Amino acid sequence: MQLFSRLMPREGKFFDLFNQHAALLVEGGKELAELLEDYANVAAREARITRIGELERAADRVTHDTVQLLHKTFVTPFDRDDIHRMISRMDDILDLIQDAAESLLLYDIRTVEPEAAHLADLVRICCERVQAATSLLSSMKNAPSILMVCQEIDGLESDADRVMRGAISRLFRDETDVRQLIKLQAVYEILETATDKCQDVANVIEGVVLENG
């Protein structure tokens, strides 16, 4: 078993990269939540969508650096596949945040329902909890706290699923414009999938803790 207390100094770079990516996730989640909360502000809307694109590209670079380091490092702090899965799933989250933001432009959505803002806020909170778990991962002394955060993410994902199903149900009841219905449904599903990916990251982290704790 690879123990965190015996890590070579070089291996600490993995945790630095995880934390860099998590910080970008949190900023992306915040921009998304503010985008949907203040969607009527067209100027701010465009600036936030642009910023989300910048964050996604920065996260891609961190992901690339992590994979490169993985190829160069003989002894890793935990299972190589778990490292690759973790950074890949984290990257998926920001990809979906960007997809949600760009879909609003692509579909020319002029107004959004409150459920969209609610889902975006759940994405934001999930990103913050991913960052919290990631920041604790370098020491197995934090195992109980890490597992607690992972459980919180699981609960948030369940909340997002309920909000999405309720939102889509209301769309089919109340929305008379079929095109608008299809557009909004697609956005809701992207937002909910972002919380799924946060749960995927939590599952990887939970597995790492249980194997190495």
Protein backbone atom coordinates (compact mmCIF):
# COMPACT_ATOMS: atom_id res chain seq x y z
CA MET A 1 0.00 0.00 0.00
CA GLN A 2 1.31 3.45 -0.91
CA LEU A 3 1.26 5.68 2.15
CA PHE A 4 0.85 9.44 1.82
CA SER A 5 3.32 10.00 4.63
CA ARG A 6 6.10 8.42 2.52
CA LEU A 7 5.61 10.48 -0.61
CA MET A 8 8.65 11.72 -2.43
CA PRO A 9 8.69 15.56 -2.64
CA ARG A 10 8.11 15.47 -6.37
CA GLU A 11 4.77 13.71 -5.93
CA GLY A 12 3.29 16.64 -4.07
CA LYS A 13 2.94 18.29 -7.46
CA PHE A 14 -0.10 16.13 -8.17
CA PHE A 15 -1.94 17.67 -5.24
CA ASP A 16 -0.90 21.16 -6.38
CA LEU A 17 -2.37 20.45 -9.81
CA PHE A 18 -5.60 19.05 -8.34
CA ASN A 19 -5.94 22.21 -6.24
CA GLN A 20 -5.23 24.45 -9.23
CA HIS A 21 -7.93 22.71 -11.23
CA ALA A 22 -10.38 22.82 -8.33
CA ALA A 23 -9.88 26.58 -7.98
CA LEU A 24 -10.78 26.99 -11.66
CA LEU A 25 -13.84 24.81 -11.11
CA VAL A 26 -15.02 27.01 -8.26
CA GLU A 27 -14.60 30.16 -10.32
CA GLY A 28 -16.40 28.54 -13.25
CA GLY A 29 -19.27 27.46 -11.02
CA LYS A 30 -19.53 30.96 -9.58
CA GLU A 31 -19.59 32.54 -13.04
CA LEU A 32 -22.27 30.10 -14.17
CA ALA A 33 -24.47 30.74 -11.13
CA GLU A 34 -24.16 34.50 -11.60
CA LEU A 35 -24.84 34.14 -15.32
CA LEU A 36 -28.17 32.39 -14.72
CA GLU A 37 -29.09 34.56 -11.73
CA ASP A 38 -28.62 37.81 -13.67
CA TYR A 39 -29.45 36.52 -17.15
CA ALA A 40 -31.35 39.64 -18.20
CA ASN A 41 -28.12 41.68 -18.00
CA VAL A 42 -26.94 41.13 -21.58
CA ALA A 43 -23.54 42.82 -21.22
CA ALA A 44 -22.68 40.89 -18.09
CA ARG A 45 -24.03 37.71 -19.69
CA GLU A 46 -21.58 37.90 -22.58
CA ALA A 47 -18.65 38.74 -20.29
CA ARG A 48 -19.40 35.76 -18.05
CA ILE A 49 -19.70 33.35 -20.95
CA THR A 50 -16.35 34.58 -22.27
CA ARG A 51 -14.78 34.18 -18.84
CA ILE A 52 -16.10 30.62 -18.52
CA GLY A 53 -14.41 29.81 -21.83
CA GLU A 54 -11.12 31.18 -20.50
CA LEU A 55 -11.44 29.10 -17.34
CA GLU A 56 -12.15 25.96 -19.35
CA ARG A 57 -9.02 26.45 -21.45
CA ALA A 58 -6.93 27.07 -18.32
CA ALA A 59 -8.32 23.86 -16.81
CA ASP A 60 -7.41 21.96 -19.98
CA ARG A 61 -3.81 23.06 -19.50
CA VAL A 62 -3.81 21.83 -15.90
CA THR A 63 -5.26 18.51 -17.03
CA HIS A 64 -2.56 18.22 -19.69
CA ASP A 65 0.16 19.01 -17.14
CA THR A 66 -1.24 16.36 -14.78
CA VAL A 67 -1.26 13.67 -17.45
CA GLN A 68 2.27 14.62 -18.49
CA LEU A 69 3.46 14.39 -14.89
CA LEU A 70 1.76 11.02 -14.58
CA HIS A 71 3.80 9.70 -17.48
CA LYS A 72 7.04 10.98 -15.95
CA THR A 73 6.50 9.86 -12.35
CA PHE A 74 7.55 6.36 -11.32
CA VAL A 75 5.96 6.27 -7.87
CA THR A 76 2.60 8.04 -7.62
CA PRO A 77 0.77 9.10 -4.43
CA PHE A 78 -2.09 6.75 -5.26
CA ASP A 79 -3.22 4.50 -8.08
CA ARG A 80 -2.29 5.90 -11.50
CA ASP A 81 -5.70 5.11 -12.97
CA ASP A 82 -7.40 6.95 -10.11
CA ILE A 83 -5.23 10.02 -10.71
CA HIS A 84 -6.15 9.98 -14.39
CA ARG A 85 -9.85 9.42 -13.63
CA MET A 86 -9.92 12.17 -11.05
CA ILE A 87 -8.37 14.91 -13.19
CA SER A 88 -10.40 13.79 -16.23
CA ARG A 89 -13.69 13.93 -14.34
CA MET A 90 -12.77 17.32 -12.90
CA ASP A 91 -12.14 18.51 -16.45
CA ASP A 92 -15.52 17.10 -17.51
CA ILE A 93 -17.23 19.34 -14.94
CA LEU A 94 -15.78 22.53 -16.41
CA ASP A 95 -16.45 21.29 -19.94
CA LEU A 96 -20.13 20.95 -19.01
CA ILE A 97 -20.19 24.37 -17.35
CA GLN A 98 -18.89 25.78 -20.63
CA ASP A 99 -21.40 23.69 -22.61
CA ALA A 100 -24.26 25.07 -20.52
CA ALA A 101 -23.09 28.66 -20.95
CA GLU A 102 -22.50 28.35 -24.69
CA SER A 103 -25.80 26.54 -25.24
CA LEU A 104 -27.60 29.63 -23.97
CA LEU A 105 -26.01 31.56 -26.84
CA LEU A 106 -26.24 28.77 -29.40
CA TYR A 107 -29.95 28.27 -28.76
CA ASP A 108 -30.56 32.03 -28.57
CA ILE A 109 -32.31 31.70 -25.23
CA ARG A 110 -33.63 35.12 -24.24
CA THR A 111 -35.12 34.29 -20.83
CA VAL A 112 -34.57 31.48 -18.35
CA GLU A 113 -36.78 29.95 -15.69
CA PRO A 114 -35.90 30.06 -11.95
CA GLU A 115 -35.10 26.34 -12.06
CA ALA A 116 -32.14 27.03 -14.33
CA ALA A 117 -30.66 29.42 -11.78
CA HIS A 118 -31.35 26.87 -9.02
CA LEU A 119 -29.51 24.15 -10.94
CA ALA A 120 -26.60 26.46 -11.68
CA ASP A 121 -26.34 27.30 -7.99
CA LEU A 122 -26.25 23.59 -7.14
CA VAL A 123 -23.42 23.20 -9.67
CA ARG A 124 -21.59 26.06 -7.93
CA ILE A 125 -21.97 24.46 -4.51
CA CYS A 126 -20.88 21.07 -5.86
CA CYS A 127 -17.73 22.66 -7.30
CA GLU A 128 -16.97 24.23 -3.93
CA ARG A 129 -17.38 20.85 -2.23
CA VAL A 130 -15.11 19.20 -4.82
CA GLN A 131 -12.49 21.83 -3.98
CA ALA A 132 -12.95 21.14 -0.27
CA ALA A 133 -12.40 17.40 -0.74
CA THR A 134 -9.44 17.95 -3.06
CA SER A 135 -7.73 20.31 -0.63
CA LEU A 136 -7.80 17.63 2.07
CA LEU A 137 -6.58 14.75 -0.06
CA SER A 138 -2.85 15.09 0.57
CA SER A 139 -3.18 13.65 4.08
CA MET A 140 -5.12 10.57 5.13
CA LYS A 141 -5.49 12.17 8.56
CA ASN A 142 -8.31 14.05 6.83
CA ALA A 143 -10.10 10.84 5.80
CA PRO A 144 -13.27 11.35 7.92
CA SER A 145 -13.68 14.93 6.69
CA ILE A 146 -13.08 13.91 3.08
CA LEU A 147 -15.71 11.17 3.27
CA MET A 148 -18.18 13.61 4.81
CA VAL A 149 -17.67 16.06 1.94
CA CYS A 150 -18.15 13.23 -0.57
CA GLN A 151 -21.48 12.41 1.08
CA GLU A 152 -22.49 16.07 0.78
CA ILE A 153 -21.74 16.00 -2.95
CA ASP A 154 -23.87 12.88 -3.30
CA GLY A 155 -26.76 14.69 -1.62
CA LEU A 156 -26.34 17.75 -3.82
CA GLU A 157 -26.41 15.59 -6.94
CA SER A 158 -29.68 14.05 -5.75
CA ASP A 159 -31.07 17.55 -5.17
CA ALA A 160 -30.08 18.57 -8.70
CA ASP A 161 -31.77 15.50 -10.14
CA ARG A 162 -35.01 16.38 -8.34
CA VAL A 163 -34.84 20.01 -9.47
CA MET A 164 -34.23 18.95 -13.08
CA ARG A 165 -37.12 16.49 -13.11
CA GLY A 166 -39.44 19.09 -11.60
CA ALA A 167 -38.29 21.71 -14.10
CA ILE A 168 -38.83 19.44 -17.08
CA SER A 169 -42.22 18.40 -15.76
CA ARG A 170 -43.24 22.06 -15.50
CA LEU A 171 -41.94 22.73 -19.00
CA PHE A 172 -44.16 20.02 -20.45
CA ARG A 173 -47.14 21.36 -18.51
CA ASP A 174 -46.72 25.07 -19.14
CA GLU A 175 -44.46 25.77 -22.14
CA THR A 176 -46.44 26.17 -25.35
CA ASP A 177 -43.46 26.89 -27.61
CA VAL A 178 -42.04 23.48 -28.52
CA ARG A 179 -38.70 24.93 -29.61
CA GLN A 180 -38.27 26.76 -26.32
CA LEU A 181 -39.17 23.58 -24.46
CA ILE A 182 -36.50 21.58 -26.29
CA LYS A 183 -33.86 24.28 -25.74
CA LEU A 184 -34.52 24.64 -22.02
CA GLN A 185 -34.70 20.90 -21.49
CA ALA A 186 -31.26 20.54 -23.06
CA VAL A 187 -29.81 23.23 -20.77
CA TYR A 188 -31.38 21.64 -17.69
CA GLU A 189 -29.89 18.28 -18.61
CA ILE A 190 -26.40 19.74 -19.13
CA LEU A 191 -26.54 21.46 -15.75
CA GLU A 192 -27.67 18.29 -13.99
CA THR A 193 -24.97 16.28 -15.74
CA ALA A 194 -22.37 18.68 -14.33
CA THR A 195 -23.47 17.66 -10.83
CA ASP A 196 -23.23 14.00 -11.92
CA LYS A 197 -19.58 14.61 -12.82
CA CYS A 198 -18.98 16.20 -9.43
CA GLN A 199 -20.34 13.01 -7.91
CA ASP A 200 -18.00 11.01 -10.17
CA VAL A 201 -15.05 12.95 -8.74
CA ALA A 202 -16.34 12.34 -5.22
CA ASN A 203 -16.59 8.62 -5.96
CA VAL A 204 -12.95 8.52 -7.12
CA ILE A 205 -11.83 10.43 -4.03
CA GLU A 206 -13.87 8.20 -1.75
CA GLY A 207 -12.29 5.11 -3.33
CA VAL A 208 -8.80 6.56 -2.85
CA VAL A 209 -9.50 7.27 0.82
CA LEU A 210 -10.93 3.82 1.50
CA GLU A 211 -7.97 2.14 -0.22
CA ASN A 212 -5.26 4.23 1.40
CA GLY A 213 -6.72 5.30 4.73
